[in-house]
Protein backbone atom coordinates (compact mmCIF):
# COMPACT_ATOMS: atom_id res chain seq x y z
CA MET A 1 -0.19 0.09 -0.23
CA ARG A 2 2.85 2.55 0.53
CA GLU A 3 3.77 1.84 -3.06
CA ILE A 4 0.36 3.44 -3.94
CA TYR A 5 -0.08 6.17 -1.64
CA SER A 6 2.98 8.51 -1.29
CA GLU A 7 1.37 10.03 1.62
CA TRP A 8 0.65 6.89 3.60
CA GLU A 9 0.90 8.31 6.76
CA ASP A 10 -1.91 10.82 6.09
CA VAL A 11 -3.97 8.07 4.65
CA ALA A 12 -3.61 5.54 7.61
CA ARG A 13 -4.74 8.40 9.91
CA THR A 14 -7.52 9.43 8.03
CA CYS A 15 -8.57 5.43 7.97
CA VAL A 16 -8.29 4.97 11.80
CA GLU A 17 -10.37 8.41 12.36
CA VAL A 18 -13.05 7.22 10.30
CA LEU A 19 -13.21 3.93 11.99
CA ARG A 20 -13.27 5.54 15.46
CA MET A 21 -16.02 7.73 14.26
CA GLU A 22 -18.26 5.16 13.27
CA ALA A 23 -17.56 2.88 16.06
CA GLY A 24 -18.70 5.54 18.18
CA VAL A 25 -21.96 5.81 16.51
CA SER A 26 -22.62 2.16 16.00
CA PRO A 27 -20.14 0.34 18.59
CA ALA A 28 -22.18 -2.96 18.28
CA ASP A 29 -22.15 -2.95 14.32
CA PRO A 30 -20.81 -6.44 13.15
CA ALA A 31 -19.32 -4.66 10.08
CA LEU A 32 -16.83 -3.11 12.30
CA THR A 33 -16.38 -5.53 15.31
CA ALA A 34 -15.96 -8.62 12.92
CA PRO A 35 -12.50 -7.79 11.25
CA VAL A 36 -11.16 -6.89 14.62
CA GLY A 37 -12.51 -9.27 16.77
CA ASP A 38 -12.12 -9.14 20.80
CA PRO A 39 -8.40 -8.67 21.35
CA ALA A 40 -9.09 -10.03 24.89
CA LEU A 41 -9.33 -13.69 23.32
CA THR A 42 -6.50 -13.38 21.23
CA PRO A 43 -2.94 -14.74 22.55
CA PRO A 44 -0.44 -12.00 22.33
CA ARG A 45 1.99 -12.32 19.50
CA ARG A 46 5.85 -12.86 20.03
């Protein structure tokens, strides 16, 4: 993706901001929660 977007940092930051806004409006929306899952259920990576 960094090859596609020369301003990768800005694009990534904007995506995170939009996801956070949507999660604030619809915190139980499966479309938002399914890709992330529940971090408490995932063992830490090493």
